[in-house]
Amino acid sequence: MERAIVLQANGLTKTKENTLRKFSADALELANDLLGHRKSKCLMDLHKETYSTRKTTTSFNSQVICDIERNVVKCKGNKLGSITVKFNVPRNCKTFSTKANYFVELGMYPRKRTAIPIKQNKNYQRYRSLLDDG
């Protein structure tokens, strides 16, 4: 089981909502396209065959592309209905807070970041305690 911080999607501005929707749609499209190129269950074969072209044709950073490749290799079917993309702190996102809310700033496109509020549930509380402990 993987733990994740849940983003609070309700109450976003139209621009942020459209940015997240486009990012999700592009990630799902890339994953389904990679499923067509998957010949074996080996991640390195898929990576060697597709990474360089995907890096130039998509706006995703390297870590997101590699994570999508891992999801494709784990997939048992021929088409994905949804995909979860991981963002790692501090590599391609960072957190910050205001007086009332906590935010994660996602690196969507080179030099373009989008701040999304974080839902403050038990996973987030665990994340904060781990950060406070060092």
C-alpha atoms as a PDB file:
ATOM      1  CA  MET A   1       0.000   0.000   0.000  1.00  0.00           C
ATOM      2  CA  GLU A   2       1.302   3.407  -0.929  1.00  0.00           C
ATOM      3  CA  ARG A   3       0.549   6.487   1.101  1.00  0.00           C
ATOM      4  CA  ALA A   4      -0.176   9.729  -0.639  1.00  0.00           C
ATOM      5  CA  ILE A   5      -1.071  13.290   0.136  1.00  0.00           C
ATOM      6  CA  VAL A   6      -4.495  14.042  -1.326  1.00  0.00           C
ATOM      7  CA  LEU A   7      -4.920  17.282  -3.215  1.00  0.00           C
ATOM      8  CA  GLN A   8      -8.028  19.287  -2.510  1.00  0.00           C
ATOM      9  CA  ALA A   9      -9.540  19.570  -5.974  1.00  0.00           C
ATOM     10  CA  ASN A  10     -12.736  21.404  -5.079  1.00  0.00           C
ATOM     11  CA  GLY A  11     -12.565  25.176  -4.944  1.00  0.00           C
ATOM     12  CA  LEU A  12      -9.772  25.521  -7.522  1.00  0.00           C
ATOM     13  CA  THR A  13      -9.729  28.307 -10.044  1.00  0.00           C
ATOM     14  CA  LYS A  14     -10.671  27.410 -13.616  1.00  0.00           C
ATOM     15  CA  THR A  15      -7.077  27.847 -14.763  1.00  0.00           C
ATOM     16  CA  LYS A  16      -5.685  25.457 -12.158  1.00  0.00           C
ATOM     17  CA  GLU A  17      -8.488  22.983 -12.752  1.00  0.00           C
ATOM     18  CA  ASN A  18      -7.850  23.033 -16.509  1.00  0.00           C
ATOM     19  CA  THR A  19      -4.096  22.660 -15.947  1.00  0.00           C
ATOM     20  CA  LEU A  20      -4.595  19.591 -13.726  1.00  0.00           C
ATOM     21  CA  ARG A  21      -7.179  18.113 -16.110  1.00  0.00           C
ATOM     22  CA  LYS A  22      -4.847  18.554 -19.103  1.00  0.00           C
ATOM     23  CA  PHE A  23      -1.909  17.091 -17.168  1.00  0.00           C
ATOM     24  CA  SER A  24      -3.974  14.035 -16.181  1.00  0.00           C
ATOM     25  CA  ALA A  25      -5.277  13.535 -19.709  1.00  0.00           C
ATOM     26  CA  ASP A  26      -1.769  13.826 -21.197  1.00  0.00           C
ATOM     27  CA  ALA A  27      -0.360  11.370 -18.632  1.00  0.00           C
ATOM     28  CA  LEU A  28      -3.110   8.843 -19.366  1.00  0.00           C
ATOM     29  CA  GLU A  29      -2.611   9.264 -23.119  1.00  0.00           C
ATOM     30  CA  LEU A  30       1.142   8.708 -22.748  1.00  0.00           C
ATOM     31  CA  ALA A  31       0.573   5.605 -20.595  1.00  0.00           C
ATOM     32  CA  ASN A  32      -1.859   4.063 -23.088  1.00  0.00           C
ATOM     33  CA  ASP A  33       0.537   4.858 -25.927  1.00  0.00           C
ATOM     34  CA  LEU A  34       3.382   3.179 -24.032  1.00  0.00           C
ATOM     35  CA  LEU A  35       1.186   0.109 -23.509  1.00  0.00           C
ATOM     36  CA  GLY A  36       1.191  -0.326 -27.284  1.00  0.00           C
ATOM     37  CA  HIS A  37       5.008  -0.290 -27.327  1.00  0.00           C
ATOM     38  CA  ARG A  38       5.400  -2.715 -24.424  1.00  0.00           C
ATOM     39  CA  LYS A  39       6.729  -5.994 -25.792  1.00  0.00           C
ATOM     40  CA  SER A  40       7.965  -7.568 -22.570  1.00  0.00           C
ATOM     41  CA  LYS A  41       7.591  -7.034 -18.851  1.00  0.00           C
ATOM     42  CA  CYS A  42      11.081  -5.518 -18.598  1.00  0.00           C
ATOM     43  CA  LEU A  43      11.176  -1.849 -17.594  1.00  0.00           C
ATOM     44  CA  MET A  44      14.629  -1.259 -19.045  1.00  0.00           C
ATOM     45  CA  ASP A  45      13.615  -2.502 -22.502  1.00  0.00           C
ATOM     46  CA  LEU A  46      10.635  -0.138 -22.554  1.00  0.00           C
ATOM     47  CA  HIS A  47      12.754   2.722 -21.211  1.00  0.00           C
ATOM     48  CA  LYS A  48      15.518   2.279 -23.794  1.00  0.00           C
ATOM     49  CA  GLU A  49      13.025   2.050 -26.625  1.00  0.00           C
ATOM     50  CA  THR A  50      10.746   4.969 -25.772  1.00  0.00           C
ATOM     51  CA  TYR A  51      12.333   7.415 -23.322  1.00  0.00           C
ATOM     52  CA  SER A  52      14.290   9.669 -25.672  1.00  0.00           C
ATOM     53  CA  THR A  53      11.354  10.225 -28.025  1.00  0.00           C
ATOM     54  CA  ARG A  54       8.898  10.782 -25.154  1.00  0.00           C
ATOM     55  CA  LYS A  55      11.230  13.301 -23.557  1.00  0.00           C
ATOM     56  CA  THR A  56      11.238  15.434 -26.717  1.00  0.00           C
ATOM     57  CA  THR A  57       7.547  15.032 -27.620  1.00  0.00           C
ATOM     58  CA  THR A  58       5.943  15.569 -24.189  1.00  0.00           C
ATOM     59  CA  SER A  59       6.165  18.351 -21.639  1.00  0.00           C
ATOM     60  CA  PHE A  60       6.748  15.978 -18.709  1.00  0.00           C
ATOM     61  CA  ASN A  61       9.956  15.996 -16.747  1.00  0.00           C
ATOM     62  CA  SER A  62      12.114  12.874 -16.547  1.00  0.00           C
ATOM     63  CA  GLN A  63      10.823  11.647 -13.224  1.00  0.00           C
ATOM     64  CA  VAL A  64       7.188  11.735 -14.335  1.00  0.00           C
ATOM     65  CA  ILE A  65       7.999   9.865 -17.569  1.00  0.00           C
ATOM     66  CA  CYS A  66       9.868   7.155 -15.655  1.00  0.00           C
ATOM     67  CA  ASP A  67       7.003   6.825 -13.175  1.00  0.00           C
ATOM     68  CA  ILE A  68       4.504   6.403 -16.020  1.00  0.00           C
ATOM     69  CA  GLU A  69       6.787   3.757 -17.557  1.00  0.00           C
ATOM     70  CA  ARG A  70       6.810   1.873 -14.226  1.00  0.00           C
ATOM     71  CA  ASN A  71       3.006   1.973 -14.104  1.00  0.00           C
ATOM     72  CA  VAL A  72       2.823   0.630 -17.673  1.00  0.00           C
ATOM     73  CA  VAL A  73       5.122  -2.291 -16.891  1.00  0.00           C
ATOM     74  CA  LYS A  74       3.026  -3.188 -13.821  1.00  0.00           C
ATOM     75  CA  CYS A  75      -0.226  -3.033 -15.817  1.00  0.00           C
ATOM     76  CA  LYS A  76      -1.742  -6.386 -16.723  1.00  0.00           C
ATOM     77  CA  GLY A  77      -4.261  -5.166 -19.316  1.00  0.00           C
ATOM     78  CA  ASN A  78      -4.061  -3.468 -22.677  1.00  0.00           C
ATOM     79  CA  LYS A  79      -5.593  -0.122 -21.680  1.00  0.00           C
ATOM     80  CA  LEU A  80      -5.487   2.023 -18.560  1.00  0.00           C
ATOM     81  CA  GLY A  81      -8.593   3.825 -17.342  1.00  0.00           C
ATOM     82  CA  SER A  82      -6.767   5.994 -14.816  1.00  0.00           C
ATOM     83  CA  ILE A  83      -3.229   6.625 -13.675  1.00  0.00           C
ATOM     84  CA  THR A  84      -1.587   8.025 -10.559  1.00  0.00           C
ATOM     85  CA  VAL A  85       1.421  10.247 -11.114  1.00  0.00           C
ATOM     86  CA  LYS A  86       3.838  10.693  -8.234  1.00  0.00           C
ATOM     87  CA  PHE A  87       5.511  13.980  -7.443  1.00  0.00           C
ATOM     88  CA  ASN A  88       8.544  13.843  -5.177  1.00  0.00           C
ATOM     89  CA  VAL A  89       9.527  16.585  -2.793  1.00  0.00           C
ATOM     90  CA  PRO A  90      11.887  18.415  -3.486  1.00  0.00           C
ATOM     91  CA  ARG A  91      12.683  17.132  -6.958  1.00  0.00           C
ATOM     92  CA  ASN A  92       9.629  18.289  -8.893  1.00  0.00           C
ATOM     93  CA  CYS A  93       7.376  19.848  -6.282  1.00  0.00           C
ATOM     94  CA  LYS A  94       7.613  21.728  -3.026  1.00  0.00           C
ATOM     95  CA  THR A  95       5.289  22.506  -0.153  1.00  0.00           C
ATOM     96  CA  PHE A  96       4.534  25.799   1.526  1.00  0.00           C
ATOM     97  CA  SER A  97       1.901  27.128   3.881  1.00  0.00           C
ATOM     98  CA  THR A  98      -0.118  30.216   4.586  1.00  0.00           C
ATOM     99  CA  LYS A  99      -1.796  30.981   7.908  1.00  0.00           C
ATOM    100  CA  ALA A 100      -4.751  28.684   7.209  1.00  0.00           C
ATOM    101  CA  ASN A 101      -3.796  26.301   4.377  1.00  0.00           C
ATOM    102  CA  TYR A 102      -0.990  24.096   3.204  1.00  0.00           C
ATOM    103  CA  PHE A 103      -0.114  23.939  -0.479  1.00  0.00           C
ATOM    104  CA  VAL A 104       1.942  21.819  -2.806  1.00  0.00           C
ATOM    105  CA  GLU A 105       3.472  23.553  -5.806  1.00  0.00           C
ATOM    106  CA  LEU A 106       3.638  21.072  -8.681  1.00  0.00           C
ATOM    107  CA  GLY A 107       6.170  21.454 -11.489  1.00  0.00           C
ATOM    108  CA  MET A 108       3.964  20.820 -14.515  1.00  0.00           C
ATOM    109  CA  TYR A 109       6.022  22.192 -17.329  1.00  0.00           C
ATOM    110  CA  PRO A 110       9.539  23.552 -17.379  1.00  0.00           C
ATOM    111  CA  ARG A 111       9.479  26.794 -15.422  1.00  0.00           C
ATOM    112  CA  LYS A 112       5.729  26.586 -14.817  1.00  0.00           C
ATOM    113  CA  ARG A 113       4.422  25.699 -11.362  1.00  0.00           C
ATOM    114  CA  THR A 114       0.871  25.338 -10.061  1.00  0.00           C
ATOM    115  CA  ALA A 115      -0.030  25.652  -6.376  1.00  0.00           C
ATOM    116  CA  ILE A 116      -2.753  23.248  -5.192  1.00  0.00           C
ATOM    117  CA  PRO A 117      -4.153  23.115  -1.632  1.00  0.00           C
ATOM    118  CA  ILE A 118      -3.518  19.908   0.318  1.00  0.00           C
ATOM    119  CA  LYS A 119      -6.350  18.080   2.032  1.00  0.00           C
ATOM    120  CA  GLN A 120      -5.355  17.818   5.675  1.00  0.00           C
ATOM    121  CA  ASN A 121      -6.057  14.150   6.437  1.00  0.00           C
ATOM    122  CA  LYS A 122      -4.090  11.509   8.401  1.00  0.00           C
ATOM    123  CA  ASN A 123      -1.563  10.962   5.592  1.00  0.00           C
ATOM    124  CA  TYR A 124      -0.782  14.664   5.527  1.00  0.00           C
ATOM    125  CA  GLN A 125      -0.437  14.761   9.315  1.00  0.00           C
ATOM    126  CA  ARG A 126       2.000  11.834   9.088  1.00  0.00           C
ATOM    127  CA  TYR A 127       3.946  13.656   6.356  1.00  0.00           C
ATOM    128  CA  ARG A 128       4.189  16.794   8.521  1.00  0.00           C
ATOM    129  CA  SER A 129       5.366  14.800  11.534  1.00  0.00           C
ATOM    130  CA  LEU A 130       8.067  13.127   9.418  1.00  0.00           C
ATOM    131  CA  LEU A 131       9.229  16.531   8.178  1.00  0.00           C
ATOM    132  CA  ASP A 132       9.280  17.932  11.710  1.00  0.00           C
ATOM    133  CA  ASP A 133      11.345  14.951  12.898  1.00  0.00           C
ATOM    134  CA  GLY A 134      13.905  15.573  10.186  1.00  0.00           C
END
